[in-house]
């Protein structure tokens, strides 16, 4: 029996304070229900059913961190953990990737 909390052992939690971006080989196609994400390298397709998450993804490259992108997209502070889990899943599937620290927002 494990004494670790549920979800532990999966690795470090998603870093909302790090700079992230859409993977260069991934593309977003907005849809009425949210969006489709397609990774041309892995050929993986993801469905976004949350339009706010779509806004977060669009803001990632312009904001200094994922947290800033979430807040710019209208995510409330209390909803940040839910969006961090969603972004963690997108990072695990290579739809988003860390952005170089030296790059400044546009």
PDB file of N, CA and C in Angstrom:
ATOM      1  N   UNK A   1       0.835  -1.178   0.000  1.00  0.00           N
ATOM      2  CA  UNK A   1       0.000   0.000   0.000  1.00  0.00           C
ATOM      3  C   UNK A   1       0.881   1.241   0.000  1.00  0.00           C
ATOM      4  N   UNK A   2       0.558   2.197  -0.873  1.00  0.00           N
ATOM      5  CA  UNK A   2       1.342   3.412  -1.001  1.00  0.00           C
ATOM      6  C   UNK A   2       0.852   4.482  -0.041  1.00  0.00           C
ATOM      7  N   UNK A   3       1.794   5.259   0.469  1.00  0.00           N
ATOM      8  CA  UNK A   3       1.429   6.385   1.327  1.00  0.00           C
ATOM      9  C   UNK A   3       1.415   7.695   0.554  1.00  0.00           C
ATOM     10  N   UNK A   4       1.731   7.619  -0.743  1.00  0.00           N
ATOM     11  CA  UNK A   4       1.741   8.826  -1.566  1.00  0.00           C
ATOM     12  C   UNK A   4       0.307   9.239  -1.882  1.00  0.00           C
ATOM     13  N   UNK A   5       0.067  10.564  -1.962  1.00  0.00           N
ATOM     14  CA  UNK A   5      -1.262  11.016  -2.339  1.00  0.00           C
ATOM     15  C   UNK A   5      -1.601  10.591  -3.761  1.00  0.00           C
ATOM     16  N   UNK A   6      -2.875  10.544  -4.065  1.00  0.00           N
ATOM     17  CA  UNK A   6      -3.310  10.182  -5.420  1.00  0.00           C
ATOM     18  C   UNK A   6      -2.640  11.082  -6.431  1.00  0.00           C
ATOM     19  N   UNK A   7      -2.143  10.493  -7.500  1.00  0.00           N
ATOM     20  CA  UNK A   7      -1.464  11.265  -8.538  1.00  0.00           C
ATOM     21  C   UNK A   7       0.020  11.405  -8.302  1.00  0.00           C
ATOM     22  N   UNK A   8       0.505  11.053  -7.119  1.00  0.00           N
ATOM     23  CA  UNK A   8       1.928  11.168  -6.834  1.00  0.00           C
ATOM     24  C   UNK A   8       2.671  10.088  -7.601  1.00  0.00           C
ATOM     25  N   UNK A   9       3.945  10.338  -7.846  1.00  0.00           N
ATOM     26  CA  UNK A   9       4.751   9.373  -8.558  1.00  0.00           C
ATOM     27  C   UNK A   9       4.681   9.570 -10.061  1.00  0.00           C
ATOM     28  N   UNK A  10       3.811  10.435 -10.504  1.00  0.00           N
ATOM     29  CA  UNK A  10       3.652  10.708 -11.922  1.00  0.00           C
ATOM     30  C   UNK A  10       4.767  11.609 -12.433  1.00  0.00           C
ATOM     31  N   UNK A  11       5.467  12.238 -11.537  1.00  0.00           N
ATOM     32  CA  UNK A  11       6.483  13.200 -11.912  1.00  0.00           C
ATOM     33  C   UNK A  11       6.098  14.545 -11.348  1.00  0.00           C
ATOM     34  N   UNK A  12       6.932  15.564 -11.603  1.00  0.00           N
ATOM     35  CA  UNK A  12       6.630  16.876 -11.058  1.00  0.00           C
ATOM     36  C   UNK A  12       5.342  17.433 -11.667  1.00  0.00           C
ATOM     37  N   UNK A  13       4.661  18.238 -10.873  1.00  0.00           N
ATOM     38  CA  UNK A  13       3.430  18.875 -11.344  1.00  0.00           C
ATOM     39  C   UNK A  13       3.773  19.872 -12.456  1.00  0.00           C
ATOM     40  N   UNK A  14       2.792  20.165 -13.285  1.00  0.00           N
ATOM     41  CA  UNK A  14       2.983  21.116 -14.365  1.00  0.00           C
ATOM     42  C   UNK A  14       3.390  22.468 -13.784  1.00  0.00           C
ATOM     43  N   UNK A  15       4.409  23.080 -14.352  1.00  0.00           N
ATOM     44  CA  UNK A  15       4.920  24.366 -13.859  1.00  0.00           C
ATOM     45  C   UNK A  15       4.196  25.514 -14.553  1.00  0.00           C
ATOM     46  N   UNK A  16       3.192  26.059 -13.887  1.00  0.00           N
ATOM     47  CA  UNK A  16       2.441  27.192 -14.441  1.00  0.00           C
ATOM     48  C   UNK A  16       3.297  28.441 -14.583  1.00  0.00           C
ATOM     49  N   UNK A  17       4.388  28.520 -13.819  1.00  0.00           N
ATOM     50  CA  UNK A  17       5.203  29.728 -13.845  1.00  0.00           C
ATOM     51  C   UNK A  17       6.330  29.681 -14.875  1.00  0.00           C
ATOM     52  N   UNK A  18       6.403  28.599 -15.632  1.00  0.00           N
ATOM     53  CA  UNK A  18       7.401  28.479 -16.703  1.00  0.00           C
ATOM     54  C   UNK A  18       6.801  28.970 -18.023  1.00  0.00           C
ATOM     55  N   UNK A  19       7.657  29.393 -18.938  1.00  0.00           N
ATOM     56  CA  UNK A  19       7.161  29.792 -20.264  1.00  0.00           C
ATOM     57  C   UNK A  19       6.918  28.558 -21.140  1.00  0.00           C
ATOM     58  N   UNK A  20       5.756  28.486 -21.762  1.00  0.00           N
ATOM     59  CA  UNK A  20       5.365  27.363 -22.615  1.00  0.00           C
ATOM     60  C   UNK A  20       4.914  27.896 -23.958  1.00  0.00           C
ATOM     61  N   UNK A  21       4.822  27.007 -24.931  1.00  0.00           N
ATOM     62  CA  UNK A  21       4.347  27.377 -26.261  1.00  0.00           C
ATOM     63  C   UNK A  21       3.727  26.163 -26.932  1.00  0.00           C
ATOM     64  N   UNK A  22       2.961  26.410 -27.964  1.00  0.00           N
ATOM     65  CA  UNK A  22       2.470  25.319 -28.795  1.00  0.00           C
ATOM     66  C   UNK A  22       3.682  24.686 -29.461  1.00  0.00           C
ATOM     67  N   UNK A  23       3.722  23.368 -29.520  1.00  0.00           N
ATOM     68  CA  UNK A  23       4.848  22.677 -30.158  1.00  0.00           C
ATOM     69  C   UNK A  23       4.933  23.139 -31.616  1.00  0.00           C
ATOM     70  N   UNK A  24       6.141  23.345 -32.155  1.00  0.00           N
ATOM     71  CA  UNK A  24       6.275  23.821 -33.540  1.00  0.00           C
ATOM     72  C   UNK A  24       5.636  22.892 -34.580  1.00  0.00           C
ATOM     73  N   UNK A  25       5.478  21.615 -34.244  1.00  0.00           N
ATOM     74  CA  UNK A  25       4.882  20.673 -35.199  1.00  0.00           C
ATOM     75  C   UNK A  25       3.408  20.406 -34.900  1.00  0.00           C
ATOM     76  N   UNK A  26       2.816  21.229 -34.029  1.00  0.00           N
ATOM     77  CA  UNK A  26       1.398  21.080 -33.690  1.00  0.00           C
ATOM     78  C   UNK A  26       0.613  22.253 -34.272  1.00  0.00           C
ATOM     79  N   UNK A  27      -0.630  21.996 -34.596  1.00  0.00           N
ATOM     80  CA  UNK A  27      -1.497  23.028 -35.159  1.00  0.00           C
ATOM     81  C   UNK A  27      -2.855  22.983 -34.459  1.00  0.00           C
ATOM     82  N   UNK A  28      -3.463  24.153 -34.353  1.00  0.00           N
ATOM     83  CA  UNK A  28      -4.785  24.283 -33.747  1.00  0.00           C
ATOM     84  C   UNK A  28      -5.787  24.612 -34.839  1.00  0.00           C
ATOM     85  N   UNK A  29      -6.915  23.916 -34.805  1.00  0.00           N
ATOM     86  CA  UNK A  29      -8.020  24.235 -35.713  1.00  0.00           C
ATOM     87  C   UNK A  29      -9.255  24.501 -34.850  1.00  0.00           C
ATOM     88  N   UNK A  30      -9.652  25.778 -34.735  1.00  0.00           N
ATOM     89  CA  UNK A  30     -10.847  26.094 -33.950  1.00  0.00           C
ATOM     90  C   UNK A  30     -12.089  25.426 -34.546  1.00  0.00           C
ATOM     91  N   UNK A  31     -12.965  24.982 -33.670  1.00  0.00           N
ATOM     92  CA  UNK A  31     -14.232  24.350 -34.042  1.00  0.00           C
ATOM     93  C   UNK A  31     -15.324  24.917 -33.144  1.00  0.00           C
ATOM     94  N   UNK A  32     -16.575  24.664 -33.490  1.00  0.00           N
ATOM     95  CA  UNK A  32     -17.678  25.162 -32.666  1.00  0.00           C
ATOM     96  C   UNK A  32     -17.618  24.620 -31.246  1.00  0.00           C
ATOM     97  N   UNK A  33     -17.165  23.395 -31.082  1.00  0.00           N
ATOM     98  CA  UNK A  33     -17.119  22.768 -29.764  1.00  0.00           C
ATOM     99  C   UNK A  33     -15.878  23.144 -28.971  1.00  0.00           C
ATOM    100  N   UNK A  34     -14.896  23.769 -29.592  1.00  0.00           N
ATOM    101  CA  UNK A  34     -13.626  24.101 -28.961  1.00  0.00           C
ATOM    102  C   UNK A  34     -12.538  24.154 -30.012  1.00  0.00           C
ATOM    103  N   UNK A  35     -11.791  23.054 -30.152  1.00  0.00           N
ATOM    104  CA  UNK A  35     -10.726  23.019 -31.158  1.00  0.00           C
ATOM    105  C   UNK A  35     -10.188  21.606 -31.321  1.00  0.00           C
ATOM    106  N   UNK A  36      -9.520  21.403 -32.444  1.00  0.00           N
ATOM    107  CA  UNK A  36      -8.747  20.195 -32.700  1.00  0.00           C
ATOM    108  C   UNK A  36      -7.280  20.582 -32.641  1.00  0.00           C
ATOM    109  N   UNK A  37      -6.481  19.763 -32.012  1.00  0.00           N
ATOM    110  CA  UNK A  37      -5.036  19.934 -32.020  1.00  0.00           C
ATOM    111  C   UNK A  37      -4.460  18.737 -32.737  1.00  0.00           C
ATOM    112  N   UNK A  38      -3.574  18.989 -33.680  1.00  0.00           N
ATOM    113  CA  UNK A  38      -2.943  17.900 -34.414  1.00  0.00           C
ATOM    114  C   UNK A  38      -1.440  18.084 -34.361  1.00  0.00           C
ATOM    115  N   UNK A  39      -0.733  17.012 -34.009  1.00  0.00           N
ATOM    116  CA  UNK A  39       0.725  17.034 -33.983  1.00  0.00           C
ATOM    117  C   UNK A  39       1.213  16.299 -35.227  1.00  0.00           C
ATOM    118  N   UNK A  40       1.886  17.008 -36.110  1.00  0.00           N
ATOM    119  CA  UNK A  40       2.335  16.433 -37.373  1.00  0.00           C
ATOM    120  C   UNK A  40       3.476  15.434 -37.198  1.00  0.00           C
ATOM    121  N   UNK A  41       4.188  15.501 -36.073  1.00  0.00           N
ATOM    122  CA  UNK A  41       5.265  14.546 -35.825  1.00  0.00           C
ATOM    123  C   UNK A  41       4.761  13.226 -35.281  1.00  0.00           C
ATOM    124  N   UNK A  42       3.901  13.300 -34.297  1.00  0.00           N
ATOM    125  CA  UNK A  42       3.400  12.079 -33.657  1.00  0.00           C
ATOM    126  C   UNK A  42       2.099  11.589 -34.289  1.00  0.00           C
ATOM    127  N   UNK A  43       1.485  12.443 -35.098  1.00  0.00           N
ATOM    128  CA  UNK A  43       0.192  12.176 -35.739  1.00  0.00           C
ATOM    129  C   UNK A  43      -0.925  11.994 -34.714  1.00  0.00           C
ATOM    130  N   UNK A  44      -0.725  12.596 -33.563  1.00  0.00           N
ATOM    131  CA  UNK A  44      -1.717  12.527 -32.489  1.00  0.00           C
ATOM    132  C   UNK A  44      -2.729  13.661 -32.663  1.00  0.00           C
ATOM    133  N   UNK A  45      -3.983  13.336 -32.424  1.00  0.00           N
ATOM    134  CA  UNK A  45      -5.079  14.289 -32.508  1.00  0.00           C
ATOM    135  C   UNK A  45      -5.691  14.448 -31.122  1.00  0.00           C
ATOM    136  N   UNK A  46      -5.878  15.688 -30.695  1.00  0.00           N
ATOM    137  CA  UNK A  46      -6.518  15.960 -29.415  1.00  0.00           C
ATOM    138  C   UNK A  46      -7.713  16.871 -29.639  1.00  0.00           C
ATOM    139  N   UNK A  47      -8.738  16.665 -28.855  1.00  0.00           N
ATOM    140  CA  UNK A  47      -9.942  17.483 -28.917  1.00  0.00           C
ATOM    141  C   UNK A  47      -9.985  18.390 -27.697  1.00  0.00           C
ATOM    142  N   UNK A  48     -10.169  19.667 -27.923  1.00  0.00           N
ATOM    143  CA  UNK A  48     -10.364  20.606 -26.820  1.00  0.00           C
ATOM    144  C   UNK A  48     -11.850  20.923 -26.778  1.00  0.00           C
ATOM    145  N   UNK A  49     -12.466  20.673 -25.653  1.00  0.00           N
ATOM    146  CA  UNK A  49     -13.891  20.949 -25.521  1.00  0.00           C
ATOM    147  C   UNK A  49     -14.135  22.209 -24.713  1.00  0.00           C
ATOM    148  N   UNK A  50     -13.082  22.924 -24.413  1.00  0.00           N
ATOM    149  CA  UNK A  50     -13.166  24.121 -23.590  1.00  0.00           C
ATOM    150  C   UNK A  50     -12.567  25.287 -24.366  1.00  0.00           C
ATOM    151  N   UNK A  51     -13.388  26.259 -24.709  1.00  0.00           N
ATOM    152  CA  UNK A  51     -12.907  27.392 -25.506  1.00  0.00           C
ATOM    153  C   UNK A  51     -11.925  28.262 -24.729  1.00  0.00           C
ATOM    154  N   UNK A  52     -12.044  28.268 -23.410  1.00  0.00           N
ATOM    155  CA  UNK A  52     -11.086  29.029 -22.611  1.00  0.00           C
ATOM    156  C   UNK A  52      -9.705  28.396 -22.725  1.00  0.00           C
ATOM    157  N   UNK A  53      -9.637  27.066 -22.747  1.00  0.00           N
ATOM    158  CA  UNK A  53      -8.345  26.397 -22.937  1.00  0.00           C
ATOM    159  C   UNK A  53      -7.763  26.752 -24.299  1.00  0.00           C
ATOM    160  N   UNK A  54      -8.599  26.874 -25.299  1.00  0.00           N
ATOM    161  CA  UNK A  54      -8.143  27.324 -26.614  1.00  0.00           C
ATOM    162  C   UNK A  54      -7.525  28.719 -26.503  1.00  0.00           C
ATOM    163  N   UNK A  55      -8.180  29.613 -25.768  1.00  0.00           N
ATOM    164  CA  UNK A  55      -7.644  30.963 -25.566  1.00  0.00           C
ATOM    165  C   UNK A  55      -6.316  30.925 -24.817  1.00  0.00           C
ATOM    166  N   UNK A  56      -6.195  30.011 -23.853  1.00  0.00           N
ATOM    167  CA  UNK A  56      -4.929  29.850 -23.118  1.00  0.00           C
ATOM    168  C   UNK A  56      -3.825  29.430 -24.089  1.00  0.00           C
ATOM    169  N   UNK A  57      -4.096  28.443 -24.930  1.00  0.00           N
ATOM    170  CA  UNK A  57      -3.090  27.977 -25.886  1.00  0.00           C
ATOM    171  C   UNK A  57      -2.659  29.090 -26.831  1.00  0.00           C
ATOM    172  N   UNK A  58      -3.608  29.883 -27.266  1.00  0.00           N
ATOM    173  CA  UNK A  58      -3.289  31.001 -28.160  1.00  0.00           C
ATOM    174  C   UNK A  58      -2.436  32.059 -27.459  1.00  0.00           C
ATOM    175  N   UNK A  59      -2.596  32.188 -26.146  1.00  0.00           N
ATOM    176  CA  UNK A  59      -1.868  33.206 -25.390  1.00  0.00           C
ATOM    177  C   UNK A  59      -0.491  32.737 -24.908  1.00  0.00           C
ATOM    178  N   UNK A  60      -0.231  31.433 -24.936  1.00  0.00           N
ATOM    179  CA  UNK A  60       1.021  30.906 -24.374  1.00  0.00           C
ATOM    180  C   UNK A  60       2.260  31.591 -24.922  1.00  0.00           C
ATOM    181  N   UNK A  61       2.331  31.793 -26.208  1.00  0.00           N
ATOM    182  CA  UNK A  61       3.549  32.347 -26.808  1.00  0.00           C
ATOM    183  C   UNK A  61       3.720  33.839 -26.538  1.00  0.00           C
ATOM    184  N   UNK A  62       2.620  34.525 -26.214  1.00  0.00           N
ATOM    185  CA  UNK A  62       2.711  35.962 -25.966  1.00  0.00           C
ATOM    186  C   UNK A  62       2.926  36.314 -24.498  1.00  0.00           C
ATOM    187  N   UNK A  63       2.597  35.386 -23.630  1.00  0.00           N
ATOM    188  CA  UNK A  63       2.682  35.666 -22.193  1.00  0.00           C
ATOM    189  C   UNK A  63       3.979  35.114 -21.613  1.00  0.00           C
ATOM    190  N   UNK A  64       4.357  35.644 -20.475  1.00  0.00           N
ATOM    191  CA  UNK A  64       5.625  35.276 -19.845  1.00  0.00           C
ATOM    192  C   UNK A  64       5.594  33.874 -19.231  1.00  0.00           C
ATOM    193  N   UNK A  65       4.396  33.381 -18.908  1.00  0.00           N
ATOM    194  CA  UNK A  65       4.272  32.054 -18.292  1.00  0.00           C
ATOM    195  C   UNK A  65       2.902  31.472 -18.624  1.00  0.00           C
ATOM    196  N   UNK A  66       2.746  30.193 -18.338  1.00  0.00           N
ATOM    197  CA  UNK A  66       1.441  29.555 -18.525  1.00  0.00           C
ATOM    198  C   UNK A  66       0.408  30.180 -17.598  1.00  0.00           C
ATOM    199  N   UNK A  67       0.826  30.546 -16.387  1.00  0.00           N
ATOM    200  CA  UNK A  67      -0.086  31.209 -15.453  1.00  0.00           C
ATOM    201  C   UNK A  67      -0.583  32.530 -16.043  1.00  0.00           C
ATOM    202  N   UNK A  68       0.329  33.303 -16.603  1.00  0.00           N
ATOM    203  CA  UNK A  68      -0.056  34.576 -17.226  1.00  0.00           C
ATOM    204  C   UNK A  68      -0.995  34.353 -18.399  1.00  0.00           C
ATOM    205  N   UNK A  69      -0.746  33.300 -19.181  1.00  0.00           N
ATOM    206  CA  UNK A  69      -1.619  32.983 -20.313  1.00  0.00           C
ATOM    207  C   UNK A  69      -3.010  32.614 -19.817  1.00  0.00           C
ATOM    208  N   UNK A  70      -3.073  31.850 -18.744  1.00  0.00           N
ATOM    209  CA  UNK A  70      -4.375  31.477 -18.171  1.00  0.00           C
ATOM    210  C   UNK A  70      -5.129  32.715 -17.705  1.00  0.00           C
ATOM    211  N   UNK A  71      -4.454  33.568 -16.956  1.00  0.00           N
ATOM    212  CA  UNK A  71      -5.110  34.764 -16.438  1.00  0.00           C
ATOM    213  C   UNK A  71      -5.536  35.689 -17.574  1.00  0.00           C
ATOM    214  N   UNK A  72      -4.700  35.808 -18.612  1.00  0.00           N
ATOM    215  CA  UNK A  72      -5.050  36.643 -19.769  1.00  0.00           C
ATOM    216  C   UNK A  72      -6.271  36.093 -20.504  1.00  0.00           C
ATOM    217  N   UNK A  73      -6.461  34.775 -20.444  1.00  0.00           N
ATOM    218  CA  UNK A  73      -7.595  34.141 -21.115  1.00  0.00           C
ATOM    219  C   UNK A  73      -8.860  34.169 -20.248  1.00  0.00           C
ATOM    220  N   UNK A  74      -8.740  34.724 -19.049  1.00  0.00           N
ATOM    221  CA  UNK A  74      -9.905  34.846 -18.190  1.00  0.00           C
ATOM    222  C   UNK A  74     -10.092  33.720 -17.187  1.00  0.00           C
ATOM    223  N   UNK A  75      -9.074  32.898 -16.999  1.00  0.00           N
ATOM    224  CA  UNK A  75      -9.168  31.808 -16.019  1.00  0.00           C
ATOM    225  C   UNK A  75      -9.109  32.417 -14.613  1.00  0.00           C
ATOM    226  N   UNK A  76     -10.034  32.016 -13.751  1.00  0.00           N
ATOM    227  CA  UNK A  76     -10.041  32.489 -12.369  1.00  0.00           C
ATOM    228  C   UNK A  76      -8.974  31.748 -11.564  1.00  0.00           C
ATOM    229  N   UNK A  77      -8.438  32.414 -10.557  1.00  0.00           N
ATOM    230  CA  UNK A  77      -7.392  31.815  -9.706  1.00  0.00           C
ATOM    231  C   UNK A  77      -7.795  30.437  -9.203  1.00  0.00           C
ATOM    232  N   UNK A  78      -9.042  30.276  -8.758  1.00  0.00           N
ATOM    233  CA  UNK A  78      -9.476  29.004  -8.200  1.00  0.00           C
ATOM    234  C   UNK A  78      -9.566  27.902  -9.263  1.00  0.00           C
ATOM    235  N   UNK A  79      -9.584  28.280 -10.537  1.00  0.00           N
ATOM    236  CA  UNK A  79      -9.646  27.290 -11.615  1.00  0.00           C
ATOM    237  C   UNK A  79      -8.267  26.935 -12.178  1.00  0.00           C
ATOM    238  N   UNK A  80      -7.221  27.587 -11.688  1.00  0.00           N
ATOM    239  CA  UNK A  80      -5.872  27.320 -12.202  1.00  0.00           C
ATOM    240  C   UNK A  80      -5.457  25.856 -12.070  1.00  0.00           C
ATOM    241  N   UNK A  81      -5.749  25.164 -10.955  1.00  0.00           N
ATOM    242  CA  UNK A  81      -5.343  23.746 -10.874  1.00  0.00           C
ATOM    243  C   UNK A  81      -5.968  22.889 -11.983  1.00  0.00           C
ATOM    244  N   UNK A  82      -7.211  23.152 -12.332  1.00  0.00           N
ATOM    245  CA  UNK A  82      -7.871  22.395 -13.401  1.00  0.00           C
ATOM    246  C   UNK A  82      -7.178  22.654 -14.749  1.00  0.00           C
ATOM    247  N   UNK A  83      -6.827  23.911 -15.010  1.00  0.00           N
ATOM    248  CA  UNK A  83      -6.151  24.230 -16.261  1.00  0.00           C
ATOM    249  C   UNK A  83      -4.719  23.710 -16.262  1.00  0.00           C
ATOM    250  N   UNK A  84      -4.066  23.692 -15.093  1.00  0.00           N
ATOM    251  CA  UNK A  84      -2.718  23.113 -15.005  1.00  0.00           C
ATOM    252  C   UNK A  84      -2.762  21.634 -15.368  1.00  0.00           C
ATOM    253  N   UNK A  85      -3.799  20.907 -14.918  1.00  0.00           N
ATOM    254  CA  UNK A  85      -3.924  19.482 -15.271  1.00  0.00           C
ATOM    255  C   UNK A  85      -4.127  19.314 -16.773  1.00  0.00           C
ATOM    256  N   UNK A  86      -4.955  20.183 -17.365  1.00  0.00           N
ATOM    257  CA  UNK A  86      -5.186  20.104 -18.809  1.00  0.00           C
ATOM    258  C   UNK A  86      -3.893  20.393 -19.573  1.00  0.00           C
ATOM    259  N   UNK A  87      -3.154  21.411 -19.148  1.00  0.00           N
ATOM    260  CA  UNK A  87      -1.889  21.748 -19.814  1.00  0.00           C
ATOM    261  C   UNK A  87      -0.853  20.651 -19.597  1.00  0.00           C
ATOM    262  N   UNK A  88      -0.878  20.015 -18.426  1.00  0.00           N
ATOM    263  CA  UNK A  88       0.031  18.899 -18.160  1.00  0.00           C
ATOM    264  C   UNK A  88      -0.229  17.765 -19.146  1.00  0.00           C
ATOM    265  N   UNK A  89      -1.488  17.478 -19.411  1.00  0.00           N
ATOM    266  CA  UNK A  89      -1.828  16.442 -20.385  1.00  0.00           C
ATOM    267  C   UNK A  89      -1.363  16.810 -21.788  1.00  0.00           C
ATOM    268  N   UNK A  90      -1.491  18.083 -22.141  1.00  0.00           N
ATOM    269  CA  UNK A  90      -1.035  18.526 -23.465  1.00  0.00           C
ATOM    270  C   UNK A  90       0.491  18.486 -23.559  1.00  0.00           C
ATOM    271  N   UNK A  91       1.164  18.775 -22.461  1.00  0.00           N
ATOM    272  CA  UNK A  91       2.630  18.686 -22.451  1.00  0.00           C
ATOM    273  C   UNK A  91       3.071  17.228 -22.563  1.00  0.00           C
ATOM    274  N   UNK A  92       2.373  16.329 -21.871  1.00  0.00           N
ATOM    275  CA  UNK A  92       2.720  14.902 -21.912  1.00  0.00           C
ATOM    276  C   UNK A  92       2.541  14.337 -23.319  1.00  0.00           C
ATOM    277  N   UNK A  93       1.629  14.890 -24.094  1.00  0.00           N
ATOM    278  CA  UNK A  93       1.412  14.408 -25.467  1.00  0.00           C
ATOM    279  C   UNK A  93       2.158  15.265 -26.498  1.00  0.00           C
ATOM    280  N   UNK A  94       3.064  16.109 -26.033  1.00  0.00           N
ATOM    281  CA  UNK A  94       3.909  16.965 -26.889  1.00  0.00           C
ATOM    282  C   UNK A  94       3.124  17.984 -27.717  1.00  0.00           C
ATOM    283  N   UNK A  95       1.924  18.328 -27.305  1.00  0.00           N
ATOM    284  CA  UNK A  95       1.180  19.379 -28.010  1.00  0.00           C
ATOM    285  C   UNK A  95       1.715  20.754 -27.629  1.00  0.00           C
ATOM    286  N   UNK A  96       2.216  20.874 -26.391  1.00  0.00           N
ATOM    287  CA  UNK A  96       2.897  22.093 -25.967  1.00  0.00           C
ATOM    288  C   UNK A  96       4.270  21.696 -25.458  1.00  0.00           C
ATOM    289  N   UNK A  97       5.183  22.653 -25.459  1.00  0.00           N
ATOM    290  CA  UNK A  97       6.545  22.372 -25.017  1.00  0.00           C
ATOM    291  C   UNK A  97       7.093  23.603 -24.304  1.00  0.00           C
ATOM    292  N   UNK A  98       8.137  23.413 -23.504  1.00  0.00           N
ATOM    293  CA  UNK A  98       8.741  24.565 -22.834  1.00  0.00           C
ATOM    294  C   UNK A  98       9.295  25.539 -23.866  1.00  0.00           C
ATOM    295  N   UNK A  99       9.201  26.802 -23.538  1.00  0.00           N
ATOM    296  CA  UNK A  99       9.735  27.855 -24.402  1.00  0.00           C
ATOM    297  C   UNK A  99      11.070  28.302 -23.830  1.00  0.00           C
ATOM    298  N   UNK A 100      11.972  28.664 -24.689  1.00  0.00           N
ATOM    299  CA  UNK A 100      13.289  29.144 -24.269  1.00  0.00           C
ATOM    300  C   UNK A 100      13.132  30.302 -23.303  1.00  0.00           C
ATOM    301  N   UNK A 101      13.889  30.245 -22.211  1.00  0.00           N
ATOM    302  CA  UNK A 101      13.831  31.309 -21.188  1.00  0.00           C
ATOM    303  C   UNK A 101      14.281  32.653 -21.741  1.00  0.00           C
ATOM    304  N   UNK A 102      15.183  32.648 -22.711  1.00  0.00           N
ATOM    305  CA  UNK A 102      15.740  33.893 -23.216  1.00  0.00           C
ATOM    306  C   UNK A 102      14.793  34.679 -24.113  1.00  0.00           C
ATOM    307  N   UNK A 103      13.703  34.075 -24.517  1.00  0.00           N
ATOM    308  CA  UNK A 103      12.771  34.736 -25.427  1.00  0.00           C
ATOM    309  C   UNK A 103      11.842  35.657 -24.646  1.00  0.00           C
ATOM    310  N   UNK A 104      11.691  36.858 -25.135  1.00  0.00           N
ATOM    311  CA  UNK A 104      10.785  37.784 -24.466  1.00  0.00           C
ATOM    312  C   UNK A 104       9.438  37.766 -25.179  1.00  0.00           C
ATOM    313  N   UNK A 105       8.360  38.024 -24.435  1.00  0.00           N
ATOM    314  CA  UNK A 105       7.041  38.032 -25.061  1.00  0.00           C
ATOM    315  C   UNK A 105       6.926  39.110 -26.119  1.00  0.00           C
ATOM    316  N   UNK A 106       6.087  38.884 -27.121  1.00  0.00           N
ATOM    317  CA  UNK A 106       5.901  39.841 -28.214  1.00  0.00           C
ATOM    318  C   UNK A 106       5.100  41.028 -27.757  1.00  0.00           C
TER     319      UNK A 106
END
